[in-house]
């Protein structure tokens, strides 16, 4: 399974199964780390209202800055 790096502008973002993420703050933005094996999920809704579900591998970090999310993952 190949995961690709995503940079997505979003209107809302939902971290599915919230107990499977850790959260911290850095100078880059808000960091969420995927804790669930084999993956955690997040839903990104764009400004156009389109929603997409992504899977993020365990131990990968999602960076949220302003209205942009950066992460390694794949569409579910």
C-alpha atoms as a PDB file:
ATOM      1  CA  UNK A   1       0.000   0.000   0.000  1.00  0.00           C
ATOM      2  CA  UNK A   2       1.462   3.353  -1.050  1.00  0.00           C
ATOM      3  CA  UNK A   3       0.609   6.521   0.844  1.00  0.00           C
ATOM      4  CA  UNK A   4       1.011   9.899  -0.782  1.00  0.00           C
ATOM      5  CA  UNK A   5       1.695  13.278   0.770  1.00  0.00           C
ATOM      6  CA  UNK A   6      -1.396  15.491   0.785  1.00  0.00           C
ATOM      7  CA  UNK A   7      -1.736  19.243   1.206  1.00  0.00           C
ATOM      8  CA  UNK A   8      -5.429  20.136   1.332  1.00  0.00           C
ATOM      9  CA  UNK A   9      -7.215  23.438   1.953  1.00  0.00           C
ATOM     10  CA  UNK A  10     -10.221  22.776   4.137  1.00  0.00           C
ATOM     11  CA  UNK A  11     -13.328  24.373   5.569  1.00  0.00           C
ATOM     12  CA  UNK A  12     -13.793  21.774   8.318  1.00  0.00           C
ATOM     13  CA  UNK A  13     -11.734  18.798   9.401  1.00  0.00           C
ATOM     14  CA  UNK A  14     -12.893  15.900  11.581  1.00  0.00           C
ATOM     15  CA  UNK A  15     -10.602  13.394  13.229  1.00  0.00           C
ATOM     16  CA  UNK A  16     -12.588  10.150  13.169  1.00  0.00           C
ATOM     17  CA  UNK A  17     -12.327   7.956  16.254  1.00  0.00           C
ATOM     18  CA  UNK A  18     -10.879  10.859  18.219  1.00  0.00           C
ATOM     19  CA  UNK A  19      -9.278   8.656  20.878  1.00  0.00           C
ATOM     20  CA  UNK A  20      -6.797   7.420  18.275  1.00  0.00           C
ATOM     21  CA  UNK A  21      -5.060  10.792  17.908  1.00  0.00           C
ATOM     22  CA  UNK A  22      -2.685  12.731  20.126  1.00  0.00           C
ATOM     23  CA  UNK A  23      -2.635  16.519  19.847  1.00  0.00           C
ATOM     24  CA  UNK A  24       0.119  19.060  20.418  1.00  0.00           C
ATOM     25  CA  UNK A  25       1.035  22.573  19.315  1.00  0.00           C
ATOM     26  CA  UNK A  26       4.275  23.665  17.665  1.00  0.00           C
ATOM     27  CA  UNK A  27       5.540  26.632  15.689  1.00  0.00           C
ATOM     28  CA  UNK A  28       4.339  24.828  12.528  1.00  0.00           C
ATOM     29  CA  UNK A  29       0.732  24.669  13.729  1.00  0.00           C
ATOM     30  CA  UNK A  30      -1.396  22.079  15.491  1.00  0.00           C
ATOM     31  CA  UNK A  31       0.038  18.563  15.271  1.00  0.00           C
ATOM     32  CA  UNK A  32      -2.096  15.427  15.421  1.00  0.00           C
ATOM     33  CA  UNK A  33      -0.342  12.067  15.595  1.00  0.00           C
ATOM     34  CA  UNK A  34      -2.050   8.887  14.447  1.00  0.00           C
ATOM     35  CA  UNK A  35      -1.954   6.292  17.234  1.00  0.00           C
ATOM     36  CA  UNK A  36      -4.051   3.426  15.864  1.00  0.00           C
ATOM     37  CA  UNK A  37      -2.626   0.429  14.086  1.00  0.00           C
ATOM     38  CA  UNK A  38      -2.971   0.033  11.153  1.00  0.00           C
ATOM     39  CA  UNK A  39      -4.410   3.558  10.589  1.00  0.00           C
ATOM     40  CA  UNK A  40      -6.568   6.383  11.893  1.00  0.00           C
ATOM     41  CA  UNK A  41      -9.032   8.327   9.768  1.00  0.00           C
ATOM     42  CA  UNK A  42      -9.850  11.951   9.117  1.00  0.00           C
ATOM     43  CA  UNK A  43     -12.576  13.661   7.123  1.00  0.00           C
ATOM     44  CA  UNK A  44     -11.689  16.818   5.202  1.00  0.00           C
ATOM     45  CA  UNK A  45     -14.446  19.089   3.871  1.00  0.00           C
ATOM     46  CA  UNK A  46     -13.356  21.592   1.242  1.00  0.00           C
ATOM     47  CA  UNK A  47     -14.771  25.085   0.779  1.00  0.00           C
ATOM     48  CA  UNK A  48     -16.990  23.683  -2.003  1.00  0.00           C
ATOM     49  CA  UNK A  49     -18.604  21.322   0.525  1.00  0.00           C
ATOM     50  CA  UNK A  50     -16.976  18.161  -0.870  1.00  0.00           C
ATOM     51  CA  UNK A  51     -16.081  15.685   1.904  1.00  0.00           C
ATOM     52  CA  UNK A  52     -13.309  13.089   1.627  1.00  0.00           C
ATOM     53  CA  UNK A  53     -12.288  10.379   4.079  1.00  0.00           C
ATOM     54  CA  UNK A  54      -8.553   9.676   4.407  1.00  0.00           C
ATOM     55  CA  UNK A  55      -6.625   6.959   6.205  1.00  0.00           C
ATOM     56  CA  UNK A  56      -3.429   7.985   7.968  1.00  0.00           C
ATOM     57  CA  UNK A  57      -0.801   5.358   8.892  1.00  0.00           C
ATOM     58  CA  UNK A  58       0.144   4.828  12.537  1.00  0.00           C
ATOM     59  CA  UNK A  59       2.857   7.130  13.919  1.00  0.00           C
ATOM     60  CA  UNK A  60       2.342   9.699  11.140  1.00  0.00           C
ATOM     61  CA  UNK A  61       1.787  13.349  12.029  1.00  0.00           C
ATOM     62  CA  UNK A  62      -0.911  15.583  10.550  1.00  0.00           C
ATOM     63  CA  UNK A  63      -0.096  19.305  10.602  1.00  0.00           C
ATOM     64  CA  UNK A  64      -2.972  21.822  10.596  1.00  0.00           C
ATOM     65  CA  UNK A  65      -2.113  25.452   9.816  1.00  0.00           C
ATOM     66  CA  UNK A  66      -4.873  28.020   9.293  1.00  0.00           C
ATOM     67  CA  UNK A  67      -7.092  26.428   6.628  1.00  0.00           C
ATOM     68  CA  UNK A  68      -4.563  23.921   5.272  1.00  0.00           C
ATOM     69  CA  UNK A  69      -3.859  20.366   6.418  1.00  0.00           C
ATOM     70  CA  UNK A  70      -0.611  18.527   5.561  1.00  0.00           C
ATOM     71  CA  UNK A  71      -0.441  14.764   5.960  1.00  0.00           C
ATOM     72  CA  UNK A  72       0.690  11.439   4.573  1.00  0.00           C
ATOM     73  CA  UNK A  73      -2.320   9.275   3.822  1.00  0.00           C
ATOM     74  CA  UNK A  74      -4.646   7.822   1.233  1.00  0.00           C
ATOM     75  CA  UNK A  75      -8.310   8.095   0.308  1.00  0.00           C
ATOM     76  CA  UNK A  76     -10.410   5.491   2.127  1.00  0.00           C
END
